[in-house]
């Protein structure tokens, strides 16, 4: 990568990172492009070189964050392991991503409850679809999960992890590793095919 490309990539990343931090603090409407430019240390006009509008910036940020989430969820995924072990690893990784990236957690929750998600349903992380959706579709197709509408899996799995992460971050409940495993077991027991075994981790 040449110096010019590195500089362009660095500025784009700085804009995305600043937007994420500012939206957590001020929300979508309270974060103008001028504030983002100042926070990112770039000229106001520079942002429009990468994103033609604030709307485009927010949608691109959503895809960027979902890409990061997909990579974190399936890091070190070992397809040689039993599927249920891989499921537990995926859940733990997703929970840890939320804890380590609270800005991303807040942004994703704001985004899915905003007009952006409704107005741009086709704008989604292809990496997330290829990796995470494929993982769950495999579980459905190979009868690891009971006969359940795939649309119900996302709120069941994601909702539980988001709630647990929010409790942990707010310190209303401090989860130990054992607590987290038990939470995941509750999810697993709710969606697994009924003759699959309950998992215990050391």
Foldseek 3Di string as FASTA:
>chain_A
DDPVVVVLVLLLVLLLVLVLVVCVVQNLVRCDLVNSCVSSVHDSVSVCVPAVDSLRSLLVSQLVLLLVLLCQLCPVQDPVDPLVVSVLSSLVSNLVCCLVCVSSLVSNVSCCVDCSCVVCVVRHHPSCCVRVVVSVVVCQVVQQWPPDDPVVLCCLRVVLSSVVSVCCVVVVDPDDPQNSLVSVLVSSCVTGDPVDDRDDDD
